Amino acid sequence: GELVYVNVFGTHMLWVNSRQMAYEIFEKKSSNYSERPTTTMLSELLGMKEWNIAFQPYGTWWRRHRRAMHMSFHDEAVKAFFPVQ
């Protein structure tokens, strides 16, 4: 079929076998399928969960911090630091 779901040793995988279905999932319904896996060792045991944007789930907090990071680190903003290097 167009979608094949498997669970391999606790890892959930979804195979998408058509271009139209991929468009539906990744473009139109991306917020439903864009959750990141939980990394217990990095996020909870090492204390990176609260401050590291790479381990945050998508949502309001993530969007707000990504926007702030983009304002400081987009191409033109980074060029302003060239004289300091």
N, C-alpha and C. Protein backbone atom coordinates (compact mmCIF):
# COMPACT_ATOMS: atom_id res chain seq x y z
N GLY A 1 0.81 -1.19 0.00
CA GLY A 1 0.00 0.00 0.00
C GLY A 1 0.85 1.26 0.00
N GLU A 2 0.19 2.37 0.10
CA GLU A 2 0.90 3.65 0.11
C GLU A 2 1.65 3.88 1.41
N LEU A 3 1.13 3.34 2.51
CA LEU A 3 1.77 3.48 3.81
C LEU A 3 2.02 2.11 4.42
N VAL A 4 3.22 1.92 4.93
CA VAL A 4 3.56 0.67 5.61
C VAL A 4 4.12 1.05 6.97
N TYR A 5 3.50 0.55 8.03
CA TYR A 5 3.94 0.84 9.40
C TYR A 5 4.56 -0.41 10.00
N VAL A 6 5.76 -0.26 10.58
CA VAL A 6 6.40 -1.38 11.26
C VAL A 6 6.95 -0.89 12.60
N ASN A 7 7.06 -1.82 13.53
CA ASN A 7 7.66 -1.54 14.83
C ASN A 7 8.81 -2.52 15.00
N VAL A 8 10.04 -2.00 14.96
CA VAL A 8 11.23 -2.84 15.05
C VAL A 8 11.93 -2.55 16.37
N PHE A 9 11.87 -3.50 17.29
CA PHE A 9 12.50 -3.36 18.60
C PHE A 9 12.11 -2.06 19.29
N GLY A 10 10.85 -1.70 19.20
CA GLY A 10 10.36 -0.50 19.88
C GLY A 10 10.50 0.78 19.08
N THR A 11 11.10 0.72 17.90
CA THR A 11 11.23 1.90 17.05
C THR A 11 10.11 1.87 16.01
N HIS A 12 9.29 2.89 16.00
CA HIS A 12 8.17 2.98 15.07
C HIS A 12 8.67 3.56 13.74
N MET A 13 8.33 2.90 12.64
CA MET A 13 8.73 3.36 11.32
C MET A 13 7.52 3.38 10.40
N LEU A 14 7.47 4.40 9.58
CA LEU A 14 6.40 4.54 8.60
C LEU A 14 7.05 4.72 7.23
N TRP A 15 6.81 3.79 6.33
CA TRP A 15 7.33 3.90 4.98
C TRP A 15 6.24 4.49 4.10
N VAL A 16 6.62 5.48 3.33
CA VAL A 16 5.69 6.17 2.44
C VAL A 16 6.07 5.78 1.01
N ASN A 17 5.12 5.17 0.30
CA ASN A 17 5.42 4.60 -1.01
C ASN A 17 4.84 5.38 -2.19
N SER A 18 4.35 6.59 -1.97
CA SER A 18 3.87 7.37 -3.11
C SER A 18 4.18 8.85 -2.89
N ARG A 19 4.43 9.52 -3.97
CA ARG A 19 4.76 10.95 -3.91
C ARG A 19 3.59 11.76 -3.34
N GLN A 20 2.39 11.44 -3.75
CA GLN A 20 1.21 12.17 -3.26
C GLN A 20 1.03 11.99 -1.76
N MET A 21 1.21 10.78 -1.27
CA MET A 21 1.07 10.52 0.16
C MET A 21 2.18 11.24 0.94
N ALA A 22 3.39 11.24 0.40
CA ALA A 22 4.49 11.96 1.05
C ALA A 22 4.17 13.44 1.16
N TYR A 23 3.61 14.02 0.12
CA TYR A 23 3.22 15.42 0.15
C TYR A 23 2.17 15.66 1.22
N GLU A 24 1.18 14.80 1.28
CA GLU A 24 0.12 14.94 2.28
C GLU A 24 0.69 14.91 3.70
N ILE A 25 1.59 13.99 3.95
CA ILE A 25 2.14 13.82 5.30
C ILE A 25 3.12 14.92 5.65
N PHE A 26 4.10 15.18 4.78
CA PHE A 26 5.20 16.06 5.13
C PHE A 26 4.92 17.54 4.89
N GLU A 27 3.95 17.87 4.06
CA GLU A 27 3.63 19.27 3.82
C GLU A 27 2.33 19.69 4.50
N LYS A 28 1.26 19.01 4.21
CA LYS A 28 -0.04 19.42 4.72
C LYS A 28 -0.24 19.08 6.19
N LYS A 29 0.34 17.98 6.66
CA LYS A 29 0.11 17.54 8.04
C LYS A 29 1.41 17.40 8.81
N SER A 30 2.38 18.24 8.52
CA SER A 30 3.71 18.09 9.12
C SER A 30 3.69 18.23 10.63
N SER A 31 2.81 19.05 11.17
CA SER A 31 2.78 19.21 12.63
C SER A 31 2.35 17.93 13.34
N ASN A 32 1.64 17.05 12.66
CA ASN A 32 1.23 15.78 13.27
C ASN A 32 2.36 14.76 13.29
N TYR A 33 3.34 14.91 12.40
CA TYR A 33 4.36 13.88 12.23
C TYR A 33 5.78 14.37 12.49
N SER A 34 5.95 15.51 13.12
CA SER A 34 7.28 16.08 13.26
C SER A 34 7.86 15.97 14.66
N GLU A 35 7.33 15.14 15.48
CA GLU A 35 7.84 14.98 16.85
C GLU A 35 9.19 14.27 16.84
N ARG A 36 10.07 14.69 17.71
CA ARG A 36 11.40 14.09 17.81
C ARG A 36 11.39 12.96 18.82
N PRO A 37 12.24 11.98 18.63
CA PRO A 37 12.31 10.90 19.62
C PRO A 37 12.90 11.39 20.93
N THR A 38 12.51 10.78 22.02
CA THR A 38 13.06 11.13 23.33
C THR A 38 14.44 10.53 23.47
N THR A 39 15.40 11.34 23.87
CA THR A 39 16.76 10.87 24.11
C THR A 39 17.03 10.99 25.60
N THR A 40 16.72 9.95 26.33
CA THR A 40 16.80 9.98 27.79
C THR A 40 18.20 10.31 28.28
N MET A 41 19.21 9.69 27.71
CA MET A 41 20.58 9.91 28.18
C MET A 41 20.98 11.37 28.04
N LEU A 42 20.78 11.94 26.87
CA LEU A 42 21.19 13.32 26.64
C LEU A 42 20.29 14.34 27.31
N SER A 43 19.00 14.14 27.16
CA SER A 43 18.09 15.18 27.62
C SER A 43 17.84 15.16 29.12
N GLU A 44 17.71 14.00 29.71
CA GLU A 44 17.34 13.95 31.12
C GLU A 44 18.52 13.67 32.04
N LEU A 45 19.33 12.69 31.72
CA LEU A 45 20.43 12.34 32.62
C LEU A 45 21.56 13.37 32.60
N LEU A 46 21.81 13.99 31.45
CA LEU A 46 22.87 14.99 31.37
C LEU A 46 22.34 16.41 31.57
N GLY A 47 21.05 16.56 31.75
CA GLY A 47 20.47 17.86 32.04
C GLY A 47 20.37 18.80 30.85
N MET A 48 20.31 18.28 29.65
CA MET A 48 20.24 19.13 28.46
C MET A 48 18.81 19.41 28.03
N LYS A 49 17.86 18.82 28.66
CA LYS A 49 16.47 18.93 28.21
C LYS A 49 15.94 20.36 28.28
N GLU A 50 16.31 21.10 29.32
CA GLU A 50 15.73 22.41 29.53
C GLU A 50 16.29 23.49 28.62
N TRP A 51 17.55 23.38 28.22
CA TRP A 51 18.17 24.50 27.52
C TRP A 51 18.61 24.21 26.09
N ASN A 52 18.70 22.98 25.68
CA ASN A 52 19.22 22.66 24.36
C ASN A 52 18.09 22.53 23.35
N ILE A 53 18.06 23.44 22.39
CA ILE A 53 16.97 23.47 21.40
C ILE A 53 16.94 22.21 20.54
N ALA A 54 18.07 21.54 20.37
CA ALA A 54 18.12 20.34 19.53
C ALA A 54 17.32 19.19 20.13
N PHE A 55 17.09 19.20 21.42
CA PHE A 55 16.38 18.11 22.07
C PHE A 55 14.95 18.48 22.47
N GLN A 56 14.51 19.66 22.10
CA GLN A 56 13.17 20.10 22.46
C GLN A 56 12.14 19.57 21.46
N PRO A 57 10.98 19.22 21.93
CA PRO A 57 9.91 18.84 20.99
C PRO A 57 9.41 20.08 20.26
N TYR A 58 8.86 19.89 19.08
CA TYR A 58 8.30 21.01 18.34
C TYR A 58 7.12 21.55 19.12
N GLY A 59 6.98 22.84 19.11
CA GLY A 59 5.89 23.48 19.83
C GLY A 59 6.19 24.96 20.00
N THR A 60 5.45 25.61 20.88
CA THR A 60 5.58 27.05 21.10
C THR A 60 6.98 27.41 21.58
N TRP A 61 7.50 26.69 22.58
CA TRP A 61 8.83 26.99 23.10
C TRP A 61 9.88 26.88 22.00
N TRP A 62 9.81 25.78 21.23
CA TRP A 62 10.79 25.56 20.17
C TRP A 62 10.71 26.64 19.11
N ARG A 63 9.51 27.01 18.65
CA ARG A 63 9.36 28.04 17.62
C ARG A 63 9.89 29.38 18.10
N ARG A 64 9.60 29.75 19.35
CA ARG A 64 10.06 31.02 19.90
C ARG A 64 11.59 31.07 19.95
N HIS A 65 12.21 30.01 20.40
CA HIS A 65 13.67 29.99 20.49
C HIS A 65 14.35 29.85 19.13
N ARG A 66 13.74 29.14 18.23
CA ARG A 66 14.30 29.05 16.88
C ARG A 66 14.27 30.41 16.21
N ARG A 67 13.19 31.15 16.39
CA ARG A 67 13.08 32.49 15.83
C ARG A 67 14.18 33.39 16.39
N ALA A 68 14.42 33.31 17.70
CA ALA A 68 15.47 34.12 18.32
C ALA A 68 16.85 33.72 17.79
N MET A 69 17.09 32.43 17.62
CA MET A 69 18.37 31.97 17.08
C MET A 69 18.55 32.44 15.65
N HIS A 70 17.50 32.39 14.87
CA HIS A 70 17.59 32.80 13.47
C HIS A 70 17.91 34.29 13.37
N MET A 71 17.32 35.11 14.22
CA MET A 71 17.59 36.55 14.18
C MET A 71 19.06 36.84 14.44
N SER A 72 19.72 36.04 15.25
CA SER A 72 21.12 36.28 15.59
C SER A 72 22.10 35.57 14.67
N PHE A 73 21.67 34.52 14.00
CA PHE A 73 22.62 33.70 13.25
C PHE A 73 22.29 33.52 11.77
N HIS A 74 21.42 34.36 11.19
CA HIS A 74 21.19 34.24 9.75
C HIS A 74 22.40 34.81 9.01
N ASP A 75 22.46 34.63 7.70
CA ASP A 75 23.66 34.97 6.91
C ASP A 75 24.16 36.39 7.15
N GLU A 76 23.27 37.36 7.06
CA GLU A 76 23.69 38.75 7.20
C GLU A 76 24.17 39.07 8.61
N ALA A 77 23.52 38.51 9.62
CA ALA A 77 23.93 38.76 11.00
C ALA A 77 25.31 38.17 11.27
N VAL A 78 25.59 37.01 10.71
CA VAL A 78 26.89 36.38 10.92
C VAL A 78 27.99 37.18 10.23
N LYS A 79 27.70 37.75 9.08
CA LYS A 79 28.70 38.56 8.37
C LYS A 79 29.17 39.74 9.21
N ALA A 80 28.32 40.24 10.08
CA ALA A 80 28.70 41.36 10.94
C ALA A 80 29.83 40.97 11.90
N PHE A 81 30.02 39.68 12.14
CA PHE A 81 31.07 39.22 13.05
C PHE A 81 32.41 38.98 12.35
N PHE A 82 32.46 39.07 11.03
CA PHE A 82 33.70 38.81 10.30
C PHE A 82 34.87 39.66 10.79
N PRO A 83 34.70 40.98 11.02
CA PRO A 83 35.84 41.78 11.48
C PRO A 83 36.39 41.33 12.84
N VAL A 84 35.59 40.70 13.65
CA VAL A 84 36.01 40.28 14.99
C VAL A 84 36.84 39.01 14.93
N GLN A 85 36.66 38.22 13.90
CA GLN A 85 37.36 36.93 13.82
C GLN A 85 38.85 37.09 13.67
